[in-house]
PDB file of N, CA and C in Angstrom:
ATOM      1  N   MET A   1     105.253  70.024 108.545  1.00  0.00           N
ATOM      2  CA  MET A   1     105.364  71.205 109.249  1.00  0.00           C
ATOM      3  C   MET A   1     104.810  72.417 108.642  1.00  0.00           C
ATOM      4  N   ALA A   2     104.001  73.211 109.416  1.00  0.00           N
ATOM      5  CA  ALA A   2     103.318  74.392 108.824  1.00  0.00           C
ATOM      6  C   ALA A   2     104.246  75.532 108.478  1.00  0.00           C
ATOM      7  N   GLU A   3     103.984  76.138 107.453  1.00  0.00           N
ATOM      8  CA  GLU A   3     104.878  77.243 106.892  1.00  0.00           C
ATOM      9  C   GLU A   3     104.037  78.373 106.474  1.00  0.00           C
ATOM     10  N   ILE A   4     104.446  79.503 106.711  1.00  0.00           N
ATOM     11  CA  ILE A   4     103.769  80.870 106.480  1.00  0.00           C
ATOM     12  C   ILE A   4     103.946  81.198 105.001  1.00  0.00           C
ATOM     13  N   VAL A   5     102.936  81.528 104.319  1.00  0.00           N
ATOM     14  CA  VAL A   5     102.982  82.131 102.956  1.00  0.00           C
ATOM     15  C   VAL A   5     102.810  83.521 103.034  1.00  0.00           C
ATOM     16  N   LYS A   6     103.980  84.234 102.655  1.00  0.00           N
ATOM     17  CA  LYS A   6     103.919  85.749 102.829  1.00  0.00           C
ATOM     18  C   LYS A   6     103.470  86.417 101.653  1.00  0.00           C
ATOM     19  N   MET A   7     102.865  87.612 101.675  1.00  0.00           N
ATOM     20  CA  MET A   7     102.484  88.438 100.699  1.00  0.00           C
ATOM     21  C   MET A   7     103.689  88.703  99.825  1.00  0.00           C
ATOM     22  N   PRO A   8     103.654  88.315  98.581  1.00  0.00           N
ATOM     23  CA  PRO A   8     104.887  88.573  97.623  1.00  0.00           C
ATOM     24  C   PRO A   8     104.885  89.974  97.288  1.00  0.00           C
ATOM     25  N   LYS A   9     106.088  90.487  96.995  1.00  0.00           N
ATOM     26  CA  LYS A   9     106.323  91.775  96.341  1.00  0.00           C
ATOM     27  C   LYS A   9     106.385  91.516  94.863  1.00  0.00           C
ATOM     28  N   LEU A  10     105.224  91.898  94.138  1.00  0.00           N
ATOM     29  CA  LEU A  10     104.928  91.629  92.742  1.00  0.00           C
ATOM     30  C   LEU A  10     105.389  92.645  91.923  1.00  0.00           C
ATOM     31  N   SER A  11     105.677  93.865  92.426  1.00  0.00           N
ATOM     32  CA  SER A  11     106.241  94.942  91.523  1.00  0.00           C
ATOM     33  C   SER A  11     107.235  95.826  92.358  1.00  0.00           C
ATOM     34  N   ASP A  12     108.032  96.690  91.735  1.00  0.00           N
ATOM     35  CA  ASP A  12     108.923  97.472  92.616  1.00  0.00           C
ATOM     36  C   ASP A  12     108.177  98.484  93.311  1.00  0.00           C
ATOM     37  N   THR A  13     107.162  98.986  92.953  1.00  0.00           N
ATOM     38  CA  THR A  13     106.623 100.042  93.945  1.00  0.00           C
ATOM     39  C   THR A  13     105.576  99.505  94.926  1.00  0.00           C
ATOM     40  N   MET A  14     105.311  98.104  94.862  1.00  0.00           N
ATOM     41  CA  MET A  14     104.245  97.565  95.639  1.00  0.00           C
ATOM     42  C   MET A  14     104.569  97.464  97.095  1.00  0.00           C
ATOM     43  N   THR A  15     103.705  98.096  98.017  1.00  0.00           N
ATOM     44  CA  THR A  15     103.976  98.092  99.412  1.00  0.00           C
ATOM     45  C   THR A  15     102.907  97.066 100.241  1.00  0.00           C
ATOM     46  N   GLU A  16     101.773  96.977  99.392  1.00  0.00           N
ATOM     47  CA  GLU A  16     100.765  96.047 100.016  1.00  0.00           C
ATOM     48  C   GLU A  16     100.040  95.554  98.801  1.00  0.00           C
ATOM     49  N   GLY A  17      99.316  94.341  99.077  1.00  0.00           N
ATOM     50  CA  GLY A  17      98.510  93.798  97.955  1.00  0.00           C
ATOM     51  C   GLY A  17      97.103  93.480  98.449  1.00  0.00           C
ATOM     52  N   VAL A  18      96.088  93.389  97.552  1.00  0.00           N
ATOM     53  CA  VAL A  18      94.779  93.019  98.017  1.00  0.00           C
ATOM     54  C   VAL A  18      94.449  91.729  97.385  1.00  0.00           C
ATOM     55  N   VAL A  19      93.836  90.814  98.262  1.00  0.00           N
ATOM     56  CA  VAL A  19      93.500  89.587  97.807  1.00  0.00           C
ATOM     57  C   VAL A  19      92.209  89.737  97.032  1.00  0.00           C
ATOM     58  N   ALA A  20      92.223  89.608  95.641  1.00  0.00           N
ATOM     59  CA  ALA A  20      90.953  89.876  94.963  1.00  0.00           C
ATOM     60  C   ALA A  20      89.963  88.661  95.079  1.00  0.00           C
ATOM     61  N   GLU A  21      90.645  87.480  94.977  1.00  0.00           N
ATOM     62  CA  GLU A  21      89.899  86.278  95.117  1.00  0.00           C
ATOM     63  C   GLU A  21      90.839  84.951  95.670  1.00  0.00           C
ATOM     64  N   TRP A  22      90.213  84.330  96.442  1.00  0.00           N
ATOM     65  CA  TRP A  22      90.873  83.059  96.979  1.00  0.00           C
ATOM     66  C   TRP A  22      90.468  81.912  96.124  1.00  0.00           C
ATOM     67  N   HIS A  23      91.379  81.063  95.673  1.00  0.00           N
ATOM     68  CA  HIS A  23      90.857  79.885  94.774  1.00  0.00           C
ATOM     69  C   HIS A  23      91.001  78.675  95.709  1.00  0.00           C
ATOM     70  N   LYS A  24      91.265  78.842  96.929  1.00  0.00           N
ATOM     71  CA  LYS A  24      91.266  77.615  97.785  1.00  0.00           C
ATOM     72  C   LYS A  24      90.528  78.059  99.154  1.00  0.00           C
ATOM     73  N   GLU A  25      90.021  77.198  99.879  1.00  0.00           N
ATOM     74  CA  GLU A  25      89.359  77.421 101.222  1.00  0.00           C
ATOM     75  C   GLU A  25      90.150  76.708 102.300  1.00  0.00           C
ATOM     76  N   VAL A  26      89.887  77.165 103.471  1.00  0.00           N
ATOM     77  CA  VAL A  26      90.647  76.512 104.641  1.00  0.00           C
ATOM     78  C   VAL A  26      90.149  75.082 104.622  1.00  0.00           C
ATOM     79  N   GLY A  27      91.209  74.115 104.717  1.00  0.00           N
ATOM     80  CA  GLY A  27      90.908  72.652 104.759  1.00  0.00           C
ATOM     81  C   GLY A  27      91.306  72.084 103.321  1.00  0.00           C
ATOM     82  N   ASP A  28      91.310  72.857 102.400  1.00  0.00           N
ATOM     83  CA  ASP A  28      91.648  72.335 100.997  1.00  0.00           C
ATOM     84  C   ASP A  28      93.040  72.000 100.845  1.00  0.00           C
ATOM     85  N   SER A  29      93.264  70.956 100.179  1.00  0.00           N
ATOM     86  CA  SER A  29      94.697  70.451  99.653  1.00  0.00           C
ATOM     87  C   SER A  29      95.255  71.419  98.670  1.00  0.00           C
ATOM     88  N   VAL A  30      96.493  71.750  98.736  1.00  0.00           N
ATOM     89  CA  VAL A  30      97.130  72.699  97.948  1.00  0.00           C
ATOM     90  C   VAL A  30      98.463  71.988  97.338  1.00  0.00           C
ATOM     91  N   GLU A  31      98.692  72.001  96.145  1.00  0.00           N
ATOM     92  CA  GLU A  31      99.892  71.439  95.515  1.00  0.00           C
ATOM     93  C   GLU A  31     100.668  72.474  94.995  1.00  0.00           C
ATOM     94  N   SER A  32     102.121  72.253  95.039  1.00  0.00           N
ATOM     95  CA  SER A  32     102.880  73.158  94.422  1.00  0.00           C
ATOM     96  C   SER A  32     102.723  73.452  92.970  1.00  0.00           C
ATOM     97  N   GLY A  33     102.662  74.825  92.706  1.00  0.00           N
ATOM     98  CA  GLY A  33     102.369  75.280  91.372  1.00  0.00           C
ATOM     99  C   GLY A  33     100.762  75.491  91.077  1.00  0.00           C
ATOM    100  N   GLU A  34      99.993  75.189  92.137  1.00  0.00           N
ATOM    101  CA  GLU A  34      98.438  75.236  91.983  1.00  0.00           C
ATOM    102  C   GLU A  34      98.055  76.878  92.406  1.00  0.00           C
ATOM    103  N   LEU A  35      97.119  77.272  91.731  1.00  0.00           N
ATOM    104  CA  LEU A  35      96.748  78.684  91.915  1.00  0.00           C
ATOM    105  C   LEU A  35      96.040  78.771  93.433  1.00  0.00           C
ATOM    106  N   LEU A  36      96.646  79.747  94.218  1.00  0.00           N
ATOM    107  CA  LEU A  36      96.063  79.910  95.524  1.00  0.00           C
ATOM    108  C   LEU A  36      95.169  81.108  95.578  1.00  0.00           C
ATOM    109  N   ALA A  37      95.598  82.233  94.911  1.00  0.00           N
ATOM    110  CA  ALA A  37      94.755  83.409  95.046  1.00  0.00           C
ATOM    111  C   ALA A  37      95.202  84.245  93.845  1.00  0.00           C
ATOM    112  N   GLU A  38      94.243  85.290  93.753  1.00  0.00           N
ATOM    113  CA  GLU A  38      94.673  86.522  92.889  1.00  0.00           C
ATOM    114  C   GLU A  38      94.841  87.652  93.687  1.00  0.00           C
ATOM    115  N   ILE A  39      95.953  88.257  93.330  1.00  0.00           N
ATOM    116  CA  ILE A  39      96.394  89.535  94.244  1.00  0.00           C
ATOM    117  C   ILE A  39      96.489  90.695  93.272  1.00  0.00           C
ATOM    118  N   GLU A  40      95.817  91.762  93.878  1.00  0.00           N
ATOM    119  CA  GLU A  40      95.856  93.153  93.178  1.00  0.00           C
ATOM    120  C   GLU A  40      97.011  93.885  93.817  1.00  0.00           C
ATOM    121  N   THR A  41      97.768  94.461  92.815  1.00  0.00           N
ATOM    122  CA  THR A  41      98.953  95.207  93.119  1.00  0.00           C
ATOM    123  C   THR A  41      98.596  96.688  92.848  1.00  0.00           C
ATOM    124  N   ASP A  42      99.544  97.669  92.922  1.00  0.00           N
ATOM    125  CA  ASP A  42      99.250  98.925  92.501  1.00  0.00           C
ATOM    126  C   ASP A  42      99.096  99.155  91.081  1.00  0.00           C
ATOM    127  N   LYS A  43      99.475  98.046  90.285  1.00  0.00           N
ATOM    128  CA  LYS A  43      99.500  97.965  88.892  1.00  0.00           C
ATOM    129  C   LYS A  43      98.750  96.963  88.196  1.00  0.00           C
ATOM    130  N   ALA A  44      98.461  95.924  88.689  1.00  0.00           N
ATOM    131  CA  ALA A  44      97.731  94.852  88.016  1.00  0.00           C
ATOM    132  C   ALA A  44      97.066  93.865  88.987  1.00  0.00           C
ATOM    133  N   THR A  45      96.391  92.863  88.353  1.00  0.00           N
ATOM    134  CA  THR A  45      95.905  91.847  89.325  1.00  0.00           C
ATOM    135  C   THR A  45      96.562  90.571  88.709  1.00  0.00           C
ATOM    136  N   MET A  46      97.364  89.846  89.640  1.00  0.00           N
ATOM    137  CA  MET A  46      98.192  88.713  89.050  1.00  0.00           C
ATOM    138  C   MET A  46      97.728  87.466  89.940  1.00  0.00           C
ATOM    139  N   GLU A  47      97.868  86.351  89.234  1.00  0.00           N
ATOM    140  CA  GLU A  47      97.615  84.922  89.932  1.00  0.00           C
ATOM    141  C   GLU A  47      98.835  84.665  90.831  1.00  0.00           C
ATOM    142  N   PHE A  48      98.602  84.103  92.000  1.00  0.00           N
ATOM    143  CA  PHE A  48      99.556  83.810  92.855  1.00  0.00           C
ATOM    144  C   PHE A  48      99.532  82.214  93.239  1.00  0.00           C
ATOM    145  N   GLU A  49     100.663  81.466  92.819  1.00  0.00           N
ATOM    146  CA  GLU A  49     100.707  80.057  92.852  1.00  0.00           C
ATOM    147  C   GLU A  49     101.388  79.612  94.075  1.00  0.00           C
ATOM    148  N   SER A  50     101.087  78.464  94.708  1.00  0.00           N
ATOM    149  CA  SER A  50     101.743  78.045  95.911  1.00  0.00           C
ATOM    150  C   SER A  50     103.137  77.460  95.330  1.00  0.00           C
ATOM    151  N   PHE A  51     104.010  77.509  96.386  1.00  0.00           N
ATOM    152  CA  PHE A  51     105.333  77.089  96.119  1.00  0.00           C
ATOM    153  C   PHE A  51     105.548  75.840  96.994  1.00  0.00           C
ATOM    154  N   GLN A  52     104.569  75.370  97.659  1.00  0.00           N
ATOM    155  CA  GLN A  52     104.659  74.188  98.435  1.00  0.00           C
ATOM    156  C   GLN A  52     103.354  73.476  98.491  1.00  0.00           C
ATOM    157  N   ASP A  53     103.490  72.193  98.940  1.00  0.00           N
ATOM    158  CA  ASP A  53     102.319  71.359  99.061  1.00  0.00           C
ATOM    159  C   ASP A  53     101.878  71.292 100.418  1.00  0.00           C
ATOM    160  N   GLY A  54     100.564  71.074 100.737  1.00  0.00           N
ATOM    161  CA  GLY A  54     100.003  71.003 102.019  1.00  0.00           C
ATOM    162  C   GLY A  54      98.544  71.339 102.176  1.00  0.00           C
ATOM    163  N   VAL A  55      98.039  71.735 103.312  1.00  0.00           N
ATOM    164  CA  VAL A  55      96.634  71.900 103.370  1.00  0.00           C
ATOM    165  C   VAL A  55      96.482  73.498 103.785  1.00  0.00           C
ATOM    166  N   LEU A  56      95.614  74.144 103.229  1.00  0.00           N
ATOM    167  CA  LEU A  56      95.412  75.514 103.692  1.00  0.00           C
ATOM    168  C   LEU A  56      94.731  75.590 105.063  1.00  0.00           C
ATOM    169  N   LEU A  57      95.610  75.907 105.997  1.00  0.00           N
ATOM    170  CA  LEU A  57      95.270  76.010 107.451  1.00  0.00           C
ATOM    171  C   LEU A  57      94.707  77.259 107.984  1.00  0.00           C
ATOM    172  N   TYR A  58      95.072  78.353 107.287  1.00  0.00           N
ATOM    173  CA  TYR A  58      94.703  79.594 107.731  1.00  0.00           C
ATOM    174  C   TYR A  58      94.860  80.748 106.579  1.00  0.00           C
ATOM    175  N   LYS A  59      93.916  81.642 106.657  1.00  0.00           N
ATOM    176  CA  LYS A  59      93.960  82.701 105.604  1.00  0.00           C
ATOM    177  C   LYS A  59      94.181  84.065 106.537  1.00  0.00           C
ATOM    178  N   GLY A  60      95.261  84.618 106.077  1.00  0.00           N
ATOM    179  CA  GLY A  60      95.752  85.933 106.823  1.00  0.00           C
ATOM    180  C   GLY A  60      94.828  87.062 106.354  1.00  0.00           C
ATOM    181  N   VAL A  61      94.407  87.092 105.265  1.00  0.00           N
ATOM    182  CA  VAL A  61      93.554  88.132 104.669  1.00  0.00           C
ATOM    183  C   VAL A  61      92.372  87.581 103.908  1.00  0.00           C
ATOM    184  N   GLU A  62      91.184  88.188 104.031  1.00  0.00           N
ATOM    185  CA  GLU A  62      90.006  87.681 103.320  1.00  0.00           C
ATOM    186  C   GLU A  62      90.049  88.512 102.080  1.00  0.00           C
ATOM    187  N   ALA A  63      89.277  87.882 101.132  1.00  0.00           N
ATOM    188  CA  ALA A  63      88.999  88.406  99.824  1.00  0.00           C
ATOM    189  C   ALA A  63      88.697  89.959 100.079  1.00  0.00           C
ATOM    190  N   GLY A  64      89.203  90.824  99.294  1.00  0.00           N
ATOM    191  CA  GLY A  64      88.872  92.298  99.348  1.00  0.00           C
ATOM    192  C   GLY A  64      89.793  93.029 100.401  1.00  0.00           C
ATOM    193  N   GLU A  65      90.566  92.421 101.121  1.00  0.00           N
ATOM    194  CA  GLU A  65      91.449  92.923 102.151  1.00  0.00           C
ATOM    195  C   GLU A  65      92.766  93.103 101.697  1.00  0.00           C
ATOM    196  N   ALA A  66      93.559  94.051 102.348  1.00  0.00           N
ATOM    197  CA  ALA A  66      94.993  94.263 102.026  1.00  0.00           C
ATOM    198  C   ALA A  66      95.923  93.688 103.062  1.00  0.00           C
ATOM    199  N   ALA A  67      96.994  93.409 102.591  1.00  0.00           N
ATOM    200  CA  ALA A  67      98.145  92.928 103.624  1.00  0.00           C
ATOM    201  C   ALA A  67      99.525  93.656 103.050  1.00  0.00           C
ATOM    202  N   PRO A  68     100.292  93.844 103.932  1.00  0.00           N
ATOM    203  CA  PRO A  68     101.571  94.489 103.491  1.00  0.00           C
ATOM    204  C   PRO A  68     102.409  93.485 102.884  1.00  0.00           C
ATOM    205  N   VAL A  69     103.402  93.844 102.093  1.00  0.00           N
ATOM    206  CA  VAL A  69     104.448  92.882 101.538  1.00  0.00           C
ATOM    207  C   VAL A  69     105.126  92.228 102.626  1.00  0.00           C
ATOM    208  N   ASP A  70     105.200  90.963 102.542  1.00  0.00           N
ATOM    209  CA  ASP A  70     105.833  90.138 103.679  1.00  0.00           C
ATOM    210  C   ASP A  70     104.970  89.824 104.790  1.00  0.00           C
ATOM    211  N   GLY A  71     103.774  90.344 104.729  1.00  0.00           N
ATOM    212  CA  GLY A  71     102.751  89.980 105.733  1.00  0.00           C
ATOM    213  C   GLY A  71     102.257  88.645 105.543  1.00  0.00           C
ATOM    214  N   VAL A  72     101.621  88.067 106.599  1.00  0.00           N
ATOM    215  CA  VAL A  72     101.017  86.795 106.581  1.00  0.00           C
ATOM    216  C   VAL A  72      99.859  86.719 105.676  1.00  0.00           C
ATOM    217  N   LEU A  73     100.111  86.015 104.469  1.00  0.00           N
ATOM    218  CA  LEU A  73      98.872  85.752 103.440  1.00  0.00           C
ATOM    219  C   LEU A  73      98.194  84.535 103.922  1.00  0.00           C
ATOM    220  N   ALA A  74      98.821  83.471 104.233  1.00  0.00           N
ATOM    221  CA  ALA A  74      98.280  82.203 104.564  1.00  0.00           C
ATOM    222  C   ALA A  74      99.173  81.266 105.269  1.00  0.00           C
ATOM    223  N   ILE A  75      98.809  80.140 105.833  1.00  0.00           N
ATOM    224  CA  ILE A  75      99.552  79.128 106.473  1.00  0.00           C
ATOM    225  C   ILE A  75      99.216  77.846 105.869  1.00  0.00           C
ATOM    226  N   LEU A  76     100.164  77.196 105.294  1.00  0.00           N
ATOM    227  CA  LEU A  76      99.997  75.796 104.798  1.00  0.00           C
ATOM    228  C   LEU A  76     100.621  74.684 105.609  1.00  0.00           C
ATOM    229  N   GLY A  77      99.966  73.661 105.895  1.00  0.00           N
ATOM    230  CA  GLY A  77     100.764  72.502 106.671  1.00  0.00           C
ATOM    231  C   GLY A  77      99.948  71.268 106.498  1.00  0.00           C
ATOM    232  N   ASP A  78     100.216  70.355 107.391  1.00  0.00           N
ATOM    233  CA  ASP A  78      99.495  69.044 107.473  1.00  0.00           C
ATOM    234  C   ASP A  78      97.948  69.348 108.030  1.00  0.00           C
ATOM    235  N   LYS A  79      97.138  68.459 107.550  1.00  0.00           N
ATOM    236  CA  LYS A  79      95.712  68.435 108.039  1.00  0.00           C
ATOM    237  C   LYS A  79      95.677  68.430 109.572  1.00  0.00           C
ATOM    238  N   GLY A  80      94.891  69.426 110.155  1.00  0.00           N
ATOM    239  CA  GLY A  80      94.814  69.403 111.570  1.00  0.00           C
ATOM    240  C   GLY A  80      95.910  69.885 112.455  1.00  0.00           C
ATOM    241  N   GLU A  81      96.991  70.325 111.767  1.00  0.00           N
ATOM    242  CA  GLU A  81      98.206  70.775 112.458  1.00  0.00           C
ATOM    243  C   GLU A  81      97.931  72.012 113.177  1.00  0.00           C
ATOM    244  N   ASP A  82      98.617  72.229 114.415  1.00  0.00           N
ATOM    245  CA  ASP A  82      98.353  73.480 115.157  1.00  0.00           C
ATOM    246  C   ASP A  82      99.341  74.582 114.671  1.00  0.00           C
ATOM    247  N   TYR A  83      99.005  75.637 114.199  1.00  0.00           N
ATOM    248  CA  TYR A  83      99.777  76.715 113.522  1.00  0.00           C
ATOM    249  C   TYR A  83      99.728  77.926 114.470  1.00  0.00           C
ATOM    250  N   GLN A  84      99.106  78.022 115.609  1.00  0.00           N
ATOM    251  CA  GLN A  84      98.941  79.097 116.315  1.00  0.00           C
ATOM    252  C   GLN A  84     100.193  79.760 116.856  1.00  0.00           C
ATOM    253  N   ALA A  85     101.186  78.875 117.243  1.00  0.00           N
ATOM    254  CA  ALA A  85     102.433  79.347 117.680  1.00  0.00           C
ATOM    255  C   ALA A  85     103.218  80.058 116.582  1.00  0.00           C
ATOM    256  N   LEU A  86     103.178  79.515 115.427  1.00  0.00           N
ATOM    257  CA  LEU A  86     103.776  80.081 114.269  1.00  0.00           C
ATOM    258  C   LEU A  86     103.261  81.473 113.953  1.00  0.00           C
ATOM    259  N   LEU A  87     102.002  81.435 113.933  1.00  0.00           N
ATOM    260  CA  LEU A  87     101.111  82.822 113.625  1.00  0.00           C
ATOM    261  C   LEU A  87     101.496  83.863 114.744  1.00  0.00           C
ATOM    262  N   ASP A  88     101.510  83.353 116.087  1.00  0.00           N
ATOM    263  CA  ASP A  88     101.812  84.288 117.112  1.00  0.00           C
ATOM    264  C   ASP A  88     103.315  84.871 116.888  1.00  0.00           C
ATOM    265  N   GLU A  89     104.253  84.036 116.677  1.00  0.00           N
ATOM    266  CA  GLU A  89     105.647  84.448 116.424  1.00  0.00           C
ATOM    267  C   GLU A  89     105.664  85.554 115.227  1.00  0.00           C
ATOM    268  N   ALA A  90     104.837  85.299 114.104  1.00  0.00           N
ATOM    269  CA  ALA A  90     105.092  86.036 113.041  1.00  0.00           C
ATOM    270  C   ALA A  90     104.338  87.439 113.350  1.00  0.00           C
ATOM    271  N   ASN A  91     103.321  87.568 114.062  1.00  0.00           N
ATOM    272  CA  ASN A  91     102.638  88.708 114.380  1.00  0.00           C
ATOM    273  C   ASN A  91     103.257  89.470 115.535  1.00  0.00           C
ATOM    274  N   SER A  92     104.085  88.819 116.276  1.00  0.00           N
ATOM    275  CA  SER A  92     104.696  89.436 117.492  1.00  0.00           C
ATOM    276  C   SER A  92     105.971  90.311 117.005  1.00  0.00           C
ATOM    277  N   GLY A  93     106.780  89.551 116.213  1.00  0.00           N
ATOM    278  CA  GLY A  93     108.110  90.087 116.183  1.00  0.00           C
ATOM    279  C   GLY A  93     108.525  90.553 114.573  1.00  0.00           C
ATOM    280  N   GLY A  94     107.824  89.990 113.664  1.00  0.00           N
ATOM    281  CA  GLY A  94     108.145  90.110 112.156  1.00  0.00           C
ATOM    282  C   GLY A  94     108.104  91.547 111.686  1.00  0.00           C
ATOM    283  N   GLY A  95     107.104  92.325 112.107  1.00  0.00           N
ATOM    284  CA  GLY A  95     106.780  93.543 111.382  1.00  0.00           C
ATOM    285  C   GLY A  95     107.527  94.682 112.135  1.00  0.00           C
ATOM    286  N   ASN A  96     107.899  94.588 113.346  1.00  0.00           N
ATOM    287  CA  ASN A  96     108.451  95.708 114.301  1.00  0.00           C
ATOM    288  C   ASN A  96     109.925  95.940 114.106  1.00  0.00           C
ATOM    289  N   GLU A  97     110.806  94.879 113.728  1.00  0.00           N
ATOM    290  CA  GLU A  97     112.209  94.951 113.665  1.00  0.00           C
ATOM    291  C   GLU A  97     112.737  96.078 112.655  1.00  0.00           C
ATOM    292  N   PRO A  98     112.222  96.057 111.413  1.00  0.00           N
ATOM    293  CA  PRO A  98     112.758  97.024 110.497  1.00  0.00           C
ATOM    294  C   PRO A  98     112.375  98.424 110.882  1.00  0.00           C
ATOM    295  N   LYS A  99     111.167  98.685 111.435  1.00  0.00           N
ATOM    296  CA  LYS A  99     110.732 100.006 111.905  1.00  0.00           C
ATOM    297  C   LYS A  99     111.741 100.494 112.972  1.00  0.00           C
ATOM    298  N   GLU A 100     112.256  99.746 113.866  1.00  0.00           N
ATOM    299  CA  GLU A 100     112.946 100.072 114.998  1.00  0.00           C
ATOM    300  C   GLU A 100     114.353 100.430 114.449  1.00  0.00           C
ATOM    301  N   GLU A 101     114.978  99.544 113.438  1.00  0.00           N
ATOM    302  CA  GLU A 101     116.214  99.812 112.797  1.00  0.00           C
ATOM    303  C   GLU A 101     116.191 101.145 112.120  1.00  0.00           C
ATOM    304  N   THR A 102     115.142 101.392 111.425  1.00  0.00           N
ATOM    305  CA  THR A 102     115.066 102.735 110.686  1.00  0.00           C
ATOM    306  C   THR A 102     115.094 103.978 111.827  1.00  0.00           C
ATOM    307  N   LYS A 103     114.308 103.771 112.849  1.00  0.00           N
ATOM    308  CA  LYS A 103     114.170 104.778 113.847  1.00  0.00           C
ATOM    309  C   LYS A 103     115.543 104.979 114.604  1.00  0.00           C
ATOM    310  N   ALA A 104     116.160 103.937 114.674  1.00  0.00           N
ATOM    311  CA  ALA A 104     117.664 104.031 115.336  1.00  0.00           C
ATOM    312  C   ALA A 104     118.563 104.656 114.409  1.00  0.00           C
ATOM    313  N   THR A 105     118.561 104.365 113.203  1.00  0.00           N
ATOM    314  CA  THR A 105     119.435 104.899 112.201  1.00  0.00           C
ATOM    315  C   THR A 105     119.119 106.521 112.077  1.00  0.00           C
ATOM    316  N   SER A 106     117.889 106.962 112.108  1.00  0.00           N
ATOM    317  CA  SER A 106     117.628 108.424 112.074  1.00  0.00           C
ATOM    318  C   SER A 106     118.112 109.151 113.334  1.00  0.00           C
ATOM    319  N   GLU A 107     117.894 108.347 114.498  1.00  0.00           N
ATOM    320  CA  GLU A 107     118.248 109.011 115.731  1.00  0.00           C
ATOM    321  C   GLU A 107     119.800 109.182 115.768  1.00  0.00           C
ATOM    322  N   ALA A 108     120.474 108.204 115.353  1.00  0.00           N
ATOM    323  CA  ALA A 108     121.931 108.141 115.431  1.00  0.00           C
ATOM    324  C   ALA A 108     122.398 109.354 114.423  1.00  0.00           C
ATOM    325  N   SER A 109     121.798 109.591 113.323  1.00  0.00           N
ATOM    326  CA  SER A 109     122.268 110.621 112.463  1.00  0.00           C
ATOM    327  C   SER A 109     121.936 112.074 112.953  1.00  0.00           C
ATOM    328  N   GLU A 110     120.998 112.241 113.805  1.00  0.00           N
ATOM    329  CA  GLU A 110     120.804 113.447 114.361  1.00  0.00           C
ATOM    330  C   GLU A 110     122.031 114.147 115.206  1.00  0.00           C
ATOM    331  N   PRO A 111     122.606 113.386 116.173  1.00  0.00           N
ATOM    332  CA  PRO A 111     123.586 113.923 116.903  1.00  0.00           C
ATOM    333  C   PRO A 111     124.829 114.292 115.854  1.00  0.00           C
ATOM    334  N   THR A 112     125.081 113.526 114.891  1.00  0.00           N
ATOM    335  CA  THR A 112     126.049 113.894 113.836  1.00  0.00           C
ATOM    336  C   THR A 112     125.923 115.207 113.260  1.00  0.00           C
ATOM    337  N   LYS A 113     124.549 115.573 113.030  1.00  0.00           N
ATOM    338  CA  LYS A 113     124.329 116.980 112.387  1.00  0.00           C
ATOM    339  C   LYS A 113     124.660 117.856 113.452  1.00  0.00           C
ATOM    340  N   ASP A 114     124.364 117.786 114.757  1.00  0.00           N
ATOM    341  CA  ASP A 114     124.596 118.666 115.743  1.00  0.00           C
ATOM    342  C   ASP A 114     126.108 118.803 116.300  1.00  0.00           C
ATOM    343  N   ALA A 115     126.844 117.789 116.049  1.00  0.00           N
ATOM    344  CA  ALA A 115     128.137 117.701 116.563  1.00  0.00           C
ATOM    345  C   ALA A 115     129.097 118.792 115.810  1.00  0.00           C
ATOM    346  N   PRO A 116     128.953 119.087 114.630  1.00  0.00           N
ATOM    347  CA  PRO A 116     129.809 120.176 113.969  1.00  0.00           C
ATOM    348  C   PRO A 116     129.499 121.500 114.707  1.00  0.00           C
ATOM    349  N   LYS A 117     128.177 121.747 114.970  1.00  0.00           N
ATOM    350  CA  LYS A 117     127.790 123.005 115.658  1.00  0.00           C
ATOM    351  C   LYS A 117     128.387 123.106 116.901  1.00  0.00           C
ATOM    352  N   GLU A 118     128.504 122.144 117.733  1.00  0.00           N
ATOM    353  CA  GLU A 118     129.049 122.186 119.128  1.00  0.00           C
ATOM    354  C   GLU A 118     130.709 122.523 119.052  1.00  0.00           C
ATOM    355  N   SER A 119     131.377 121.906 118.083  1.00  0.00           N
ATOM    356  CA  SER A 119     132.695 121.975 117.997  1.00  0.00           C
ATOM    357  C   SER A 119     133.225 123.397 117.359  1.00  0.00           C
ATOM    358  N   LYS A 120     132.310 124.254 116.738  1.00  0.00           N
ATOM    359  CA  LYS A 120     132.806 125.431 116.367  1.00  0.00           C
ATOM    360  C   LYS A 120     132.887 126.573 117.316  1.00  0.00           C
TER     361      LYS A 120
END
């Protein structure tokens, strides 16, 4: 079954990472513990090892490009496996939920600030 490999948070201040170099190409077999890519953070360039076995089906970011923390870095699965539904799901719903929660929280706090003024 195909699985998404997300951009890891490699430092406390990291908000995105740049893929400095891929060590695997689409179609290559990947074993757990094998070097998949090198990722540049705001502080250093670090080696990123795979945590699972499979075939590299998709690269979410090309070398030299950035991806947000928890963004789709790659998809690993079985050779020839269809991963499009998994990718569509990740791109459609994953990134919007926290932003909506943050917005709802800030909107909810605004009436609280106004409420004491109205009661005076």
